[in-house]
Amino acid sequence: MSGGEVAALALALAGAAWILAPLLRGEEALVAGSPADAAADLQSEREMALGALRDLEDDRATGKIGDADYEDLRARFTARAVEVMKRIDEAEAPAGPRPLRGEES
């Protein structure tokens, strides 16, 4: 690999890290003005997480990323996607206790 190729790869990885940094930082407090804003933010986070996983698959398939880096990033991105999806489920869950089977009116 020539010096130019190494520099291009380093630049590409740095750019990807900068773009994907919000996914790696963990849960941040939502500063939303309404529940609708919070729901939109969560859906946006979900799309970013799933997009990051798709991009990672593409990078591995084209040889832009090695197996060790792929496994590490895949684990992080998957965990983040699952976390966001759980938060979406919690936000969409009805308030109050759910009736048991047979107790529904």
Protein backbone atom coordinates (compact mmCIF):
# COMPACT_ATOMS: atom_id res chain seq x y z
CA MET A 1 0.00 0.00 0.00
CA SER A 2 1.47 3.35 -0.98
CA GLY A 3 1.72 6.36 1.28
CA GLY A 4 -1.13 8.06 -0.56
CA GLU A 5 -3.41 5.08 -0.09
CA VAL A 6 -2.59 4.91 3.61
CA ALA A 7 -3.30 8.64 3.99
CA ALA A 8 -6.60 8.28 2.10
CA LEU A 9 -7.63 5.34 4.27
CA ALA A 10 -6.69 7.23 7.45
CA LEU A 11 -8.69 10.23 6.27
CA ALA A 12 -11.69 8.05 5.44
CA LEU A 13 -11.59 6.36 8.85
CA ALA A 14 -11.24 9.71 10.62
CA GLY A 15 -14.25 11.03 8.71
CA ALA A 16 -16.29 7.96 9.54
CA ALA A 17 -15.34 8.26 13.22
CA TRP A 18 -16.40 11.92 13.25
CA ILE A 19 -19.73 11.13 11.61
CA LEU A 20 -20.41 8.10 13.83
CA ALA A 21 -19.19 9.69 17.09
CA PRO A 22 -22.73 10.46 18.34
CA LEU A 23 -23.52 6.75 18.22
CA LEU A 24 -20.47 5.88 20.28
CA ARG A 25 -20.96 8.50 22.99
CA GLY A 26 -23.85 6.74 24.64
CA GLU A 27 -27.20 8.04 25.78
CA GLU A 28 -27.47 11.80 26.03
CA ALA A 29 -30.28 13.77 27.59
CA LEU A 30 -32.89 14.82 25.10
CA VAL A 31 -33.46 18.53 25.03
CA ALA A 32 -36.75 18.28 23.26
CA GLY A 33 -39.58 20.72 23.53
CA SER A 34 -42.37 18.13 23.24
CA PRO A 35 -42.95 14.39 23.25
CA ALA A 36 -43.29 14.56 19.47
CA ASP A 37 -39.81 16.12 19.25
CA ALA A 38 -38.41 13.41 21.53
CA ALA A 39 -40.03 10.69 19.41
CA ALA A 40 -38.63 12.24 16.23
CA ASP A 41 -35.18 12.43 17.82
CA LEU A 42 -35.34 8.76 18.80
CA GLN A 43 -36.44 7.74 15.30
CA SER A 44 -33.57 9.78 13.87
CA GLU A 45 -31.12 8.06 16.23
CA ARG A 46 -32.55 4.70 15.17
CA GLU A 47 -32.04 5.48 11.50
CA MET A 48 -28.49 6.70 12.18
CA ALA A 49 -27.66 3.51 14.10
CA LEU A 50 -29.06 1.24 11.38
CA GLY A 51 -27.33 3.32 8.69
CA ALA A 52 -24.03 3.01 10.54
CA LEU A 53 -24.44 -0.78 10.58
CA ARG A 54 -25.19 -0.83 6.84
CA ASP A 55 -22.18 1.39 6.11
CA LEU A 56 -19.98 -0.81 8.26
CA GLU A 57 -21.09 -3.89 6.31
CA ASP A 58 -20.27 -2.08 3.06
CA ASP A 59 -16.84 -1.03 4.37
CA ARG A 60 -16.05 -4.61 5.34
CA ALA A 61 -17.27 -5.98 2.00
CA THR A 62 -15.06 -3.55 0.08
CA GLY A 63 -12.03 -4.20 2.27
CA LYS A 64 -11.93 -0.72 3.81
CA ILE A 65 -11.97 -2.14 7.33
CA GLY A 66 -10.32 -5.17 8.86
CA ASP A 67 -12.07 -8.01 10.66
CA ALA A 68 -10.96 -6.96 14.16
CA ASP A 69 -12.15 -3.38 13.70
CA TYR A 70 -15.34 -4.63 12.07
CA GLU A 71 -16.20 -6.89 15.02
CA ASP A 72 -15.54 -4.11 17.56
CA LEU A 73 -17.55 -1.48 15.70
CA ARG A 74 -20.35 -3.91 14.88
CA ALA A 75 -20.75 -4.77 18.57
CA ARG A 76 -20.85 -1.09 19.53
CA PHE A 77 -23.25 -0.06 16.78
CA THR A 78 -25.54 -3.02 17.44
CA ALA A 79 -25.65 -2.25 21.17
CA ARG A 80 -26.46 1.37 20.41
CA ALA A 81 -29.24 0.41 17.97
CA VAL A 82 -30.77 -1.96 20.52
CA GLU A 83 -30.60 0.73 23.22
CA VAL A 84 -32.36 3.27 21.00
CA MET A 85 -35.03 0.75 19.99
CA LYS A 86 -35.70 -0.07 23.65
CA ARG A 87 -36.08 3.65 24.38
CA ILE A 88 -38.54 3.94 21.49
CA ASP A 89 -40.54 1.00 22.85
CA GLU A 90 -40.58 2.55 26.33
CA ALA A 91 -41.71 5.90 24.94
CA GLU A 92 -44.51 4.26 22.95
CA ALA A 93 -45.69 2.01 25.78
CA PRO A 94 -49.04 3.01 27.28
CA ALA A 95 -48.88 4.58 30.72
CA GLY A 96 -50.02 2.57 33.71
CA PRO A 97 -50.12 -1.14 34.37
CA ARG A 98 -51.21 -3.44 31.60
CA PRO A 99 -54.24 -5.63 32.32
CA LEU A 100 -53.66 -9.34 32.72
CA ARG A 101 -55.20 -11.76 30.24
CA GLY A 102 -58.86 -12.27 30.97
CA GLU A 103 -59.12 -9.03 32.97
CA GLU A 104 -59.68 -6.83 29.96
CA SER A 105 -63.03 -5.05 29.88
